[in-house]
Amino acid sequence: MFPVFSWYADYVDEVSKPWVIPNPDPREVTFGKYTVHSAYSYYGQVKSLVKQWKFQGDHALGFRLGELMGITYNHLLRGKVVSYVPRYGESYPYFGNHLFSFLAGLQKTGNCAVVPAYVKTRSTMPQKTLSRSARMVNLHDAFVPTGTCADIVVDDVMTTGATSRVLYKCSPFKVWLVLARVELDLSSDFRKA
């Protein structure tokens, strides 16, 4: 568990502002040997909120979204070991990483331990620019396990599921938990995995 998360929660409470965050619409889909849980579809207002948090640096919003996920999925998170998708060159989320604020909120309300279970060993192209098959090639052998196993892995948005598949092969987990999921039918892809 990262002790700095508790400090961050106090910091965010001081700078927080109101956002219009829609009520979650939780979904669950089984992909092979793990389950994907998402609170939202990645469209409209949710897409705008994710962009504001992720690309415009609104860390307080990220914290609030993490708190919402912790409340929504408390039954899954409580007492579990949670990890995340690391960036290249970092073994844990640092303050400037958008996932740091999200994980802080998630840990606060989800009653879970957040640990670094993976390290990204090389730089990759941004996934959003690639086709489904190119995403798998892009991430092939890009991650190694740290030796700490996670029950749940958290990410912001799931599109094709390439990242979850690569991390699962690296070190298995039970649940892939995302804020939002692009509504694609991936069931046939995951039966092949």
N, C-alpha and C. Protein backbone atom coordinates (compact mmCIF):
# COMPACT_ATOMS: atom_id res chain seq x y z
N MET A 1 0.85 -1.18 0.00
CA MET A 1 0.00 0.00 0.00
C MET A 1 0.89 1.24 0.00
N PHE A 2 0.48 2.25 -0.73
CA PHE A 2 1.25 3.48 -0.80
C PHE A 2 0.76 4.45 0.27
N PRO A 3 1.56 4.74 1.31
CA PRO A 3 1.10 5.64 2.37
C PRO A 3 0.83 7.06 1.88
N VAL A 4 1.46 7.47 0.80
CA VAL A 4 1.27 8.82 0.30
C VAL A 4 -0.16 9.03 -0.19
N PHE A 5 -0.88 7.95 -0.50
CA PHE A 5 -2.26 8.09 -0.94
C PHE A 5 -3.12 8.80 0.09
N SER A 6 -2.90 8.51 1.37
CA SER A 6 -3.72 9.15 2.41
C SER A 6 -3.44 10.65 2.46
N TRP A 7 -2.20 11.05 2.27
CA TRP A 7 -1.87 12.47 2.20
C TRP A 7 -2.57 13.10 1.00
N TYR A 8 -2.56 12.41 -0.12
CA TYR A 8 -3.15 12.94 -1.33
C TYR A 8 -4.65 13.16 -1.16
N ALA A 9 -5.31 12.26 -0.46
CA ALA A 9 -6.75 12.41 -0.22
C ALA A 9 -7.03 13.71 0.52
N ASP A 10 -6.22 14.04 1.51
CA ASP A 10 -6.40 15.29 2.25
C ASP A 10 -6.16 16.49 1.33
N TYR A 11 -5.15 16.40 0.48
CA TYR A 11 -4.82 17.48 -0.44
C TYR A 11 -5.98 17.73 -1.41
N VAL A 12 -6.52 16.68 -1.99
CA VAL A 12 -7.60 16.82 -2.97
C VAL A 12 -8.84 17.41 -2.32
N ASP A 13 -9.13 17.05 -1.09
CA ASP A 13 -10.30 17.61 -0.41
C ASP A 13 -10.21 19.13 -0.32
N GLU A 14 -9.00 19.66 -0.23
CA GLU A 14 -8.82 21.11 -0.13
C GLU A 14 -9.02 21.83 -1.46
N VAL A 15 -8.71 21.17 -2.58
CA VAL A 15 -8.77 21.85 -3.88
C VAL A 15 -9.95 21.39 -4.74
N SER A 16 -10.74 20.51 -4.19
CA SER A 16 -11.82 19.91 -4.97
C SER A 16 -12.86 20.93 -5.41
N LYS A 17 -13.47 20.62 -6.53
CA LYS A 17 -14.56 21.44 -7.04
C LYS A 17 -15.66 20.50 -7.51
N PRO A 18 -16.86 20.99 -7.69
CA PRO A 18 -17.94 20.09 -8.09
C PRO A 18 -17.86 19.72 -9.58
N TRP A 19 -18.17 18.49 -9.90
CA TRP A 19 -18.29 18.03 -11.27
C TRP A 19 -19.65 17.36 -11.40
N VAL A 20 -20.14 17.34 -12.57
CA VAL A 20 -21.37 16.58 -12.82
C VAL A 20 -20.92 15.21 -13.32
N ILE A 21 -20.94 14.26 -12.41
CA ILE A 21 -20.53 12.89 -12.73
C ILE A 21 -21.78 12.03 -12.75
N PRO A 22 -22.05 11.38 -13.88
CA PRO A 22 -23.28 10.57 -13.95
C PRO A 22 -23.22 9.36 -13.01
N ASN A 23 -24.38 8.84 -12.68
CA ASN A 23 -24.43 7.63 -11.87
C ASN A 23 -23.84 6.48 -12.67
N PRO A 24 -23.08 5.61 -12.02
CA PRO A 24 -22.49 4.46 -12.73
C PRO A 24 -23.56 3.53 -13.29
N ASP A 25 -23.20 2.86 -14.36
CA ASP A 25 -24.03 1.83 -14.98
C ASP A 25 -23.14 0.59 -15.10
N PRO A 26 -22.90 -0.09 -13.97
CA PRO A 26 -21.92 -1.19 -13.94
C PRO A 26 -22.27 -2.32 -14.90
N ARG A 27 -21.23 -2.81 -15.56
CA ARG A 27 -21.35 -3.93 -16.49
C ARG A 27 -20.29 -4.96 -16.14
N GLU A 28 -20.59 -6.21 -16.45
CA GLU A 28 -19.66 -7.31 -16.20
C GLU A 28 -19.66 -8.22 -17.43
N VAL A 29 -18.45 -8.54 -17.90
CA VAL A 29 -18.29 -9.42 -19.05
C VAL A 29 -17.15 -10.38 -18.73
N THR A 30 -17.35 -11.66 -19.02
CA THR A 30 -16.30 -12.64 -18.80
C THR A 30 -15.47 -12.78 -20.06
N PHE A 31 -14.16 -12.62 -19.91
CA PHE A 31 -13.21 -12.77 -21.01
C PHE A 31 -12.25 -13.89 -20.64
N GLY A 32 -12.53 -15.07 -21.11
CA GLY A 32 -11.65 -16.19 -20.82
C GLY A 32 -11.61 -16.49 -19.34
N LYS A 33 -10.44 -16.33 -18.73
CA LYS A 33 -10.23 -16.71 -17.33
C LYS A 33 -10.39 -15.56 -16.36
N TYR A 34 -10.74 -14.38 -16.84
CA TYR A 34 -10.97 -13.24 -15.95
C TYR A 34 -12.22 -12.49 -16.36
N THR A 35 -12.68 -11.66 -15.43
CA THR A 35 -13.90 -10.89 -15.65
C THR A 35 -13.55 -9.42 -15.78
N VAL A 36 -14.21 -8.74 -16.69
CA VAL A 36 -14.04 -7.30 -16.86
C VAL A 36 -15.25 -6.62 -16.23
N HIS A 37 -14.98 -5.69 -15.33
CA HIS A 37 -16.03 -4.88 -14.73
C HIS A 37 -15.79 -3.43 -15.15
N SER A 38 -16.84 -2.79 -15.62
CA SER A 38 -16.73 -1.38 -16.00
C SER A 38 -17.92 -0.62 -15.42
N ALA A 39 -17.65 0.60 -14.99
CA ALA A 39 -18.71 1.42 -14.39
C ALA A 39 -19.50 2.18 -15.45
N TYR A 40 -18.89 2.44 -16.60
CA TYR A 40 -19.52 3.25 -17.64
C TYR A 40 -19.18 2.73 -19.02
N SER A 41 -19.98 3.14 -19.99
CA SER A 41 -19.61 3.05 -21.39
C SER A 41 -18.81 4.31 -21.71
N TYR A 42 -17.84 4.17 -22.59
CA TYR A 42 -16.94 5.28 -22.89
C TYR A 42 -17.50 6.18 -23.99
N TYR A 43 -18.55 6.90 -23.66
CA TYR A 43 -19.17 7.78 -24.64
C TYR A 43 -19.68 9.04 -23.94
N GLY A 44 -19.94 10.09 -24.72
CA GLY A 44 -20.57 11.31 -24.22
C GLY A 44 -19.87 11.94 -23.04
N GLN A 45 -20.63 12.15 -21.99
CA GLN A 45 -20.14 12.87 -20.82
C GLN A 45 -18.97 12.15 -20.16
N VAL A 46 -19.02 10.84 -20.10
CA VAL A 46 -17.93 10.08 -19.47
C VAL A 46 -16.63 10.25 -20.25
N LYS A 47 -16.70 10.23 -21.56
CA LYS A 47 -15.51 10.44 -22.39
C LYS A 47 -14.92 11.82 -22.10
N SER A 48 -15.76 12.83 -21.98
CA SER A 48 -15.28 14.18 -21.68
C SER A 48 -14.62 14.24 -20.30
N LEU A 49 -15.20 13.56 -19.31
CA LEU A 49 -14.61 13.54 -17.97
C LEU A 49 -13.25 12.85 -17.97
N VAL A 50 -13.15 11.73 -18.68
CA VAL A 50 -11.88 11.01 -18.75
C VAL A 50 -10.82 11.88 -19.41
N LYS A 51 -11.17 12.56 -20.49
CA LYS A 51 -10.21 13.44 -21.17
C LYS A 51 -9.77 14.57 -20.25
N GLN A 52 -10.71 15.15 -19.50
CA GLN A 52 -10.37 16.23 -18.57
C GLN A 52 -9.41 15.73 -17.49
N TRP A 53 -9.67 14.56 -16.98
CA TRP A 53 -8.82 13.98 -15.94
C TRP A 53 -7.47 13.54 -16.50
N LYS A 54 -7.51 12.78 -17.59
CA LYS A 54 -6.30 12.14 -18.10
C LYS A 54 -5.39 13.09 -18.89
N PHE A 55 -5.97 13.91 -19.74
CA PHE A 55 -5.15 14.72 -20.65
C PHE A 55 -5.04 16.19 -20.25
N GLN A 56 -5.97 16.66 -19.40
CA GLN A 56 -5.90 18.05 -18.97
C GLN A 56 -5.40 18.18 -17.54
N GLY A 57 -5.02 17.05 -16.93
CA GLY A 57 -4.38 17.07 -15.61
C GLY A 57 -5.29 17.40 -14.45
N ASP A 58 -6.57 17.12 -14.55
CA ASP A 58 -7.49 17.39 -13.45
C ASP A 58 -7.43 16.22 -12.46
N HIS A 59 -6.40 16.24 -11.61
CA HIS A 59 -6.16 15.13 -10.68
C HIS A 59 -7.25 15.03 -9.62
N ALA A 60 -7.83 16.14 -9.24
CA ALA A 60 -8.91 16.09 -8.25
C ALA A 60 -10.12 15.34 -8.84
N LEU A 61 -10.40 15.54 -10.11
CA LEU A 61 -11.47 14.79 -10.77
C LEU A 61 -11.12 13.30 -10.80
N GLY A 62 -9.87 12.97 -11.10
CA GLY A 62 -9.43 11.58 -11.09
C GLY A 62 -9.64 10.94 -9.73
N PHE A 63 -9.35 11.70 -8.68
CA PHE A 63 -9.55 11.20 -7.32
C PHE A 63 -11.03 10.91 -7.08
N ARG A 64 -11.91 11.83 -7.48
CA ARG A 64 -13.35 11.63 -7.29
C ARG A 64 -13.85 10.42 -8.09
N LEU A 65 -13.34 10.24 -9.31
CA LEU A 65 -13.72 9.08 -10.10
C LEU A 65 -13.24 7.80 -9.43
N GLY A 66 -12.05 7.83 -8.85
CA GLY A 66 -11.54 6.68 -8.11
C GLY A 66 -12.40 6.36 -6.89
N GLU A 67 -12.81 7.42 -6.17
CA GLU A 67 -13.71 7.21 -5.03
C GLU A 67 -15.02 6.56 -5.48
N LEU A 68 -15.56 7.04 -6.59
CA LEU A 68 -16.80 6.49 -7.12
C LEU A 68 -16.63 5.01 -7.47
N MET A 69 -15.50 4.67 -8.09
CA MET A 69 -15.23 3.27 -8.41
C MET A 69 -15.10 2.43 -7.14
N GLY A 70 -14.45 2.98 -6.12
CA GLY A 70 -14.30 2.27 -4.86
C GLY A 70 -15.63 1.98 -4.19
N ILE A 71 -16.54 2.94 -4.28
CA ILE A 71 -17.88 2.76 -3.71
C ILE A 71 -18.68 1.75 -4.55
N THR A 72 -18.64 1.92 -5.87
CA THR A 72 -19.41 1.07 -6.78
C THR A 72 -18.97 -0.39 -6.69
N TYR A 73 -17.66 -0.59 -6.58
CA TYR A 73 -17.12 -1.96 -6.60
C TYR A 73 -16.53 -2.38 -5.26
N ASN A 74 -17.04 -1.81 -4.17
CA ASN A 74 -16.53 -2.15 -2.85
C ASN A 74 -16.61 -3.65 -2.57
N HIS A 75 -17.67 -4.28 -3.05
CA HIS A 75 -17.83 -5.73 -2.83
C HIS A 75 -16.72 -6.53 -3.51
N LEU A 76 -16.15 -6.03 -4.59
CA LEU A 76 -15.04 -6.71 -5.27
C LEU A 76 -13.69 -6.33 -4.67
N LEU A 77 -13.56 -5.08 -4.25
CA LEU A 77 -12.27 -4.53 -3.83
C LEU A 77 -11.90 -4.82 -2.37
N ARG A 78 -12.88 -4.88 -1.52
CA ARG A 78 -12.63 -4.97 -0.07
C ARG A 78 -11.67 -6.12 0.26
N GLY A 79 -10.53 -5.76 0.84
CA GLY A 79 -9.54 -6.73 1.28
C GLY A 79 -8.69 -7.33 0.18
N LYS A 80 -8.84 -6.86 -1.06
CA LYS A 80 -8.10 -7.43 -2.19
C LYS A 80 -6.82 -6.63 -2.47
N VAL A 81 -5.94 -7.27 -3.23
CA VAL A 81 -4.72 -6.64 -3.70
C VAL A 81 -4.98 -6.14 -5.12
N VAL A 82 -4.77 -4.85 -5.31
CA VAL A 82 -5.08 -4.19 -6.58
C VAL A 82 -3.79 -3.66 -7.19
N SER A 83 -3.67 -3.80 -8.50
CA SER A 83 -2.55 -3.21 -9.21
C SER A 83 -3.09 -2.38 -10.38
N TYR A 84 -2.23 -1.95 -11.26
CA TYR A 84 -2.56 -0.99 -12.31
C TYR A 84 -1.63 -1.21 -13.48
N VAL A 85 -1.89 -0.51 -14.58
CA VAL A 85 -1.05 -0.57 -15.76
C VAL A 85 0.02 0.52 -15.63
N PRO A 86 1.28 0.10 -15.46
CA PRO A 86 2.34 1.12 -15.28
C PRO A 86 2.77 1.74 -16.61
N ARG A 87 3.36 2.91 -16.51
CA ARG A 87 3.99 3.55 -17.67
C ARG A 87 5.43 3.08 -17.74
N TYR A 88 6.02 3.25 -18.90
CA TYR A 88 7.43 2.90 -19.08
C TYR A 88 8.29 3.79 -18.18
N GLY A 89 9.23 3.18 -17.49
CA GLY A 89 10.16 3.94 -16.65
C GLY A 89 9.67 4.19 -15.24
N GLU A 90 8.51 3.69 -14.88
CA GLU A 90 8.03 3.86 -13.51
C GLU A 90 7.57 2.52 -12.97
N SER A 91 7.89 2.26 -11.72
CA SER A 91 7.46 1.00 -11.10
C SER A 91 6.27 1.22 -10.18
N TYR A 92 5.92 2.46 -9.96
CA TYR A 92 4.73 2.79 -9.16
C TYR A 92 4.20 4.11 -9.69
N PRO A 93 2.94 4.39 -9.48
CA PRO A 93 2.41 5.66 -10.02
C PRO A 93 2.96 6.85 -9.23
N TYR A 94 3.41 7.84 -9.91
CA TYR A 94 3.91 9.03 -9.25
C TYR A 94 2.85 10.13 -9.36
N PHE A 95 3.05 11.17 -8.62
CA PHE A 95 2.05 12.22 -8.49
C PHE A 95 1.56 12.76 -9.83
N GLY A 96 2.42 12.89 -10.81
CA GLY A 96 2.02 13.44 -12.11
C GLY A 96 1.27 12.47 -13.00
N ASN A 97 1.27 11.19 -12.67
CA ASN A 97 0.57 10.18 -13.46
C ASN A 97 -0.92 10.27 -13.15
N HIS A 98 -1.75 10.26 -14.19
CA HIS A 98 -3.19 10.40 -13.96
C HIS A 98 -3.75 9.26 -13.10
N LEU A 99 -3.15 8.07 -13.16
CA LEU A 99 -3.66 6.96 -12.36
C LEU A 99 -3.41 7.15 -10.87
N PHE A 100 -2.42 7.96 -10.49
CA PHE A 100 -2.13 8.16 -9.07
C PHE A 100 -3.36 8.68 -8.34
N SER A 101 -3.97 9.71 -8.88
CA SER A 101 -5.13 10.30 -8.21
C SER A 101 -6.30 9.32 -8.19
N PHE A 102 -6.49 8.60 -9.28
CA PHE A 102 -7.57 7.61 -9.38
C PHE A 102 -7.38 6.50 -8.34
N LEU A 103 -6.16 5.98 -8.25
CA LEU A 103 -5.87 4.91 -7.29
C LEU A 103 -6.02 5.38 -5.86
N ALA A 104 -5.67 6.64 -5.60
CA ALA A 104 -5.83 7.19 -4.25
C ALA A 104 -7.30 7.19 -3.85
N GLY A 105 -8.17 7.62 -4.74
CA GLY A 105 -9.60 7.62 -4.45
C GLY A 105 -10.15 6.21 -4.33
N LEU A 106 -9.68 5.31 -5.19
CA LEU A 106 -10.12 3.93 -5.16
C LEU A 106 -9.74 3.26 -3.84
N GLN A 107 -8.51 3.48 -3.42
CA GLN A 107 -8.05 2.87 -2.18
C GLN A 107 -8.81 3.43 -0.97
N LYS A 108 -9.10 4.71 -1.01
CA LYS A 108 -9.80 5.34 0.12
C LYS A 108 -11.18 4.72 0.35
N THR A 109 -11.93 4.49 -0.71
CA THR A 109 -13.30 3.99 -0.54
C THR A 109 -13.44 2.50 -0.81
N GLY A 110 -12.44 1.89 -1.46
CA GLY A 110 -12.53 0.48 -1.80
C GLY A 110 -11.96 -0.46 -0.76
N ASN A 111 -11.29 0.11 0.25
CA ASN A 111 -10.71 -0.72 1.33
C ASN A 111 -9.83 -1.84 0.77
N CYS A 112 -8.92 -1.46 -0.11
CA CYS A 112 -8.04 -2.43 -0.76
C CYS A 112 -6.59 -1.95 -0.66
N ALA A 113 -5.67 -2.86 -0.94
CA ALA A 113 -4.24 -2.52 -0.98
C ALA A 113 -3.85 -2.31 -2.44
N VAL A 114 -3.13 -1.25 -2.73
CA VAL A 114 -2.66 -0.97 -4.09
C VAL A 114 -1.16 -1.24 -4.13
N VAL A 115 -0.75 -2.11 -5.06
CA VAL A 115 0.66 -2.51 -5.17
C VAL A 115 1.10 -2.47 -6.63
N PRO A 116 2.39 -2.32 -6.86
CA PRO A 116 2.90 -2.43 -8.24
C PRO A 116 3.15 -3.90 -8.57
N ALA A 117 2.31 -4.53 -9.36
CA ALA A 117 2.49 -5.94 -9.73
C ALA A 117 3.19 -6.11 -11.07
N TYR A 118 3.34 -5.00 -11.82
CA TYR A 118 3.95 -5.07 -13.14
C TYR A 118 4.91 -3.90 -13.33
N VAL A 119 5.89 -4.12 -14.20
CA VAL A 119 6.81 -3.07 -14.64
C VAL A 119 6.77 -3.08 -16.17
N LYS A 120 6.67 -1.91 -16.75
CA LYS A 120 6.73 -1.80 -18.21
C LYS A 120 8.19 -1.63 -18.59
N THR A 121 8.70 -2.56 -19.41
CA THR A 121 10.13 -2.64 -19.68
C THR A 121 10.61 -1.86 -20.90
N ARG A 122 9.68 -1.41 -21.70
CA ARG A 122 10.08 -0.65 -22.88
C ARG A 122 8.97 0.32 -23.28
N SER A 123 9.37 1.30 -24.06
CA SER A 123 8.41 2.28 -24.56
C SER A 123 7.60 1.64 -25.69
N THR A 124 6.33 2.00 -25.77
CA THR A 124 5.45 1.50 -26.83
C THR A 124 4.72 2.67 -27.47
N MET A 125 4.15 2.41 -28.62
CA MET A 125 3.35 3.45 -29.28
C MET A 125 2.04 3.62 -28.51
N PRO A 126 1.42 4.79 -28.58
CA PRO A 126 0.10 4.95 -27.95
C PRO A 126 -0.89 3.96 -28.57
N GLN A 127 -1.63 3.25 -27.74
CA GLN A 127 -2.55 2.23 -28.21
C GLN A 127 -3.69 2.81 -29.05
N LYS A 128 -4.12 4.04 -28.74
CA LYS A 128 -5.29 4.59 -29.42
C LYS A 128 -5.08 4.77 -30.91
N THR A 129 -3.83 4.76 -31.38
CA THR A 129 -3.55 4.96 -32.80
C THR A 129 -3.48 3.64 -33.56
N LEU A 130 -3.64 2.51 -32.88
CA LEU A 130 -3.39 1.21 -33.50
C LEU A 130 -4.65 0.37 -33.68
N SER A 131 -4.58 -0.55 -34.64
CA SER A 131 -5.67 -1.51 -34.85
C SER A 131 -5.63 -2.55 -33.72
N ARG A 132 -6.64 -3.38 -33.68
CA ARG A 132 -6.73 -4.41 -32.63
C ARG A 132 -5.52 -5.34 -32.64
N SER A 133 -5.16 -5.85 -33.81
CA SER A 133 -4.02 -6.78 -33.88
C SER A 133 -2.70 -6.06 -33.62
N ALA A 134 -2.57 -4.82 -34.09
CA ALA A 134 -1.34 -4.06 -33.87
C ALA A 134 -1.14 -3.74 -32.39
N ARG A 135 -2.23 -3.61 -31.63
CA ARG A 135 -2.12 -3.34 -30.20
C ARG A 135 -1.44 -4.51 -29.48
N MET A 136 -1.79 -5.73 -29.86
CA MET A 136 -1.17 -6.90 -29.24
C MET A 136 0.32 -6.95 -29.56
N VAL A 137 0.67 -6.70 -30.82
CA VAL A 137 2.08 -6.71 -31.23
C VAL A 137 2.83 -5.60 -30.49
N ASN A 138 2.23 -4.43 -30.38
CA ASN A 138 2.84 -3.28 -29.72
C ASN A 138 3.20 -3.60 -28.26
N LEU A 139 2.35 -4.35 -27.58
CA LEU A 139 2.56 -4.63 -26.16
C LEU A 139 3.27 -5.95 -25.87
N HIS A 140 3.53 -6.74 -26.91
CA HIS A 140 4.17 -8.04 -26.71
C HIS A 140 5.47 -7.90 -25.92
N ASP A 141 5.57 -8.61 -24.83
CA ASP A 141 6.75 -8.61 -23.95
C ASP A 141 7.12 -7.23 -23.41
N ALA A 142 6.14 -6.34 -23.29
CA ALA A 142 6.41 -4.99 -22.77
C ALA A 142 6.32 -4.92 -21.25
N PHE A 143 5.79 -5.96 -20.60
CA PHE A 143 5.61 -5.95 -19.15
C PHE A 143 6.25 -7.19 -18.53
N VAL A 144 6.73 -7.02 -17.30
CA VAL A 144 7.20 -8.15 -16.50
C VAL A 144 6.57 -8.04 -15.12
N PRO A 145 6.34 -9.19 -14.48
CA PRO A 145 5.77 -9.14 -13.13
C PRO A 145 6.82 -8.72 -12.11
N THR A 146 6.38 -8.10 -11.03
CA THR A 146 7.30 -7.69 -9.96
C THR A 146 7.46 -8.77 -8.91
N GLY A 147 6.62 -9.79 -8.98
CA GLY A 147 6.63 -10.84 -7.97
C GLY A 147 5.48 -10.70 -6.99
N THR A 148 4.82 -9.56 -7.01
CA THR A 148 3.63 -9.34 -6.18
C THR A 148 2.41 -9.64 -7.04
N CYS A 149 1.59 -10.56 -6.60
CA CYS A 149 0.39 -10.93 -7.37
C CYS A 149 -0.78 -10.04 -6.98
N ALA A 150 -1.57 -9.68 -7.97
CA ALA A 150 -2.76 -8.85 -7.74
C ALA A 150 -4.01 -9.66 -8.05
N ASP A 151 -5.06 -9.43 -7.27
CA ASP A 151 -6.36 -10.03 -7.54
C ASP A 151 -7.07 -9.26 -8.65
N ILE A 152 -6.87 -7.93 -8.63
CA ILE A 152 -7.59 -7.02 -9.52
C ILE A 152 -6.59 -6.07 -10.16
N VAL A 153 -6.74 -5.82 -11.45
CA VAL A 153 -5.92 -4.82 -12.14
C VAL A 153 -6.86 -3.72 -12.62
N VAL A 154 -6.44 -2.47 -12.40
CA VAL A 154 -7.26 -1.31 -12.70
C VAL A 154 -6.67 -0.54 -13.88
N ASP A 155 -7.55 -0.06 -14.75
CA ASP A 155 -7.15 0.80 -15.85
C ASP A 155 -8.26 1.83 -16.06
N ASP A 156 -7.99 2.85 -16.83
CA ASP A 156 -8.99 3.89 -17.03
C ASP A 156 -10.03 3.50 -18.07
N VAL A 157 -9.57 3.12 -19.29
CA VAL A 157 -10.49 2.81 -20.38
C VAL A 157 -10.05 1.50 -21.04
N MET A 158 -11.02 0.67 -21.38
CA MET A 158 -10.75 -0.56 -22.12
C MET A 158 -11.36 -0.43 -23.50
N THR A 159 -10.54 -0.63 -24.52
CA THR A 159 -11.04 -0.57 -25.89
C THR A 159 -11.12 -1.98 -26.48
N THR A 160 -9.96 -2.54 -26.87
CA THR A 160 -9.96 -3.87 -27.47
C THR A 160 -9.62 -4.97 -26.47
N GLY A 161 -9.07 -4.61 -25.33
CA GLY A 161 -8.67 -5.61 -24.34
C GLY A 161 -7.25 -6.11 -24.51
N ALA A 162 -6.48 -5.51 -25.41
CA ALA A 162 -5.11 -5.96 -25.64
C ALA A 162 -4.25 -5.84 -24.38
N THR A 163 -4.36 -4.74 -23.69
CA THR A 163 -3.55 -4.54 -22.48
C THR A 163 -3.89 -5.58 -21.42
N SER A 164 -5.17 -5.83 -21.23
CA SER A 164 -5.56 -6.82 -20.22
C SER A 164 -5.05 -8.20 -20.59
N ARG A 165 -5.11 -8.57 -21.85
CA ARG A 165 -4.64 -9.88 -22.28
C ARG A 165 -3.14 -10.02 -22.07
N VAL A 166 -2.38 -8.99 -22.40
CA VAL A 166 -0.93 -9.05 -22.24
C VAL A 166 -0.55 -9.14 -20.76
N LEU A 167 -1.20 -8.33 -19.92
CA LEU A 167 -0.88 -8.39 -18.49
C LEU A 167 -1.31 -9.71 -17.86
N TYR A 168 -2.43 -10.26 -18.31
CA TYR A 168 -2.87 -11.55 -17.78
C TYR A 168 -1.85 -12.64 -18.10
N LYS A 169 -1.32 -12.64 -19.31
CA LYS A 169 -0.30 -13.62 -19.68
C LYS A 169 0.98 -13.43 -18.88
N CYS A 170 1.27 -12.20 -18.53
CA CYS A 170 2.46 -11.86 -17.73
C CYS A 170 2.31 -12.36 -16.29
N SER A 171 1.18 -12.07 -15.67
CA SER A 171 0.89 -12.49 -14.30
C SER A 171 -0.63 -12.45 -14.12
N PRO A 172 -1.27 -13.62 -14.02
CA PRO A 172 -2.73 -13.69 -13.99
C PRO A 172 -3.38 -12.93 -12.83
N PHE A 173 -4.59 -12.48 -13.08
CA PHE A 173 -5.42 -11.80 -12.09
C PHE A 173 -6.84 -12.31 -12.27
N LYS A 174 -7.75 -11.94 -11.39
CA LYS A 174 -9.13 -12.42 -11.47
C LYS A 174 -10.07 -11.42 -12.12
N VAL A 175 -9.79 -10.12 -11.89
CA VAL A 175 -10.70 -9.06 -12.35
C VAL A 175 -9.91 -7.95 -13.01
N TRP A 176 -10.40 -7.50 -14.17
CA TRP A 176 -9.89 -6.30 -14.85
C TRP A 176 -10.96 -5.24 -14.59
N LEU A 177 -10.62 -4.20 -13.86
CA LEU A 177 -11.58 -3.18 -13.45
C LEU A 177 -11.27 -1.88 -14.17
N VAL A 178 -12.23 -1.39 -14.95
CA VAL A 178 -12.02 -0.15 -15.70
C VAL A 178 -13.14 0.83 -15.41
N LEU A 179 -12.79 2.11 -15.48
CA LEU A 179 -13.80 3.14 -15.33
C LEU A 179 -14.80 3.05 -16.47
N ALA A 180 -14.29 2.93 -17.70
CA ALA A 180 -15.18 2.92 -18.87
C ALA A 180 -14.69 1.93 -19.90
N ARG A 181 -15.65 1.38 -20.65
CA ARG A 181 -15.32 0.40 -21.68
C ARG A 181 -16.00 0.79 -22.98
N VAL A 182 -15.23 0.77 -24.07
CA VAL A 182 -15.79 0.97 -25.39
C VAL A 182 -16.61 -0.27 -25.70
N GLU A 183 -17.81 -0.08 -26.17
CA GLU A 183 -18.73 -1.21 -26.38
C GLU A 183 -18.41 -1.94 -27.67
N LEU A 184 -17.49 -2.89 -27.58
CA LEU A 184 -17.15 -3.75 -28.70
C LEU A 184 -17.45 -5.19 -28.31
N ASP A 185 -17.81 -6.01 -29.25
CA ASP A 185 -18.01 -7.44 -28.97
C ASP A 185 -16.66 -8.11 -29.10
N LEU A 186 -16.05 -8.43 -27.98
CA LEU A 186 -14.73 -9.03 -27.98
C LEU A 186 -14.75 -10.49 -27.58
N SER A 187 -15.93 -11.06 -27.40
CA SER A 187 -16.03 -12.40 -26.85
C SER A 187 -15.29 -13.45 -27.68
N SER A 188 -15.35 -13.37 -29.02
CA SER A 188 -14.67 -14.36 -29.85
C SER A 188 -13.16 -14.23 -29.73
N ASP A 189 -12.65 -12.99 -29.62
CA ASP A 189 -11.21 -12.78 -29.44
C ASP A 189 -10.72 -13.41 -28.16
N PHE A 190 -11.50 -13.29 -27.10
CA PHE A 190 -11.04 -13.75 -25.81
C PHE A 190 -11.19 -15.27 -25.66
N ARG A 191 -12.04 -15.88 -26.46
CA ARG A 191 -12.11 -17.34 -26.44
C ARG A 191 -10.84 -17.93 -27.03
N LYS A 192 -10.19 -17.20 -27.94
CA LYS A 192 -8.95 -17.66 -28.56
C LYS A 192 -7.76 -17.50 -27.62
N ALA A 193 -7.85 -16.59 -26.65
CA ALA A 193 -6.69 -16.24 -25.81
C ALA A 193 -6.23 -17.37 -24.95
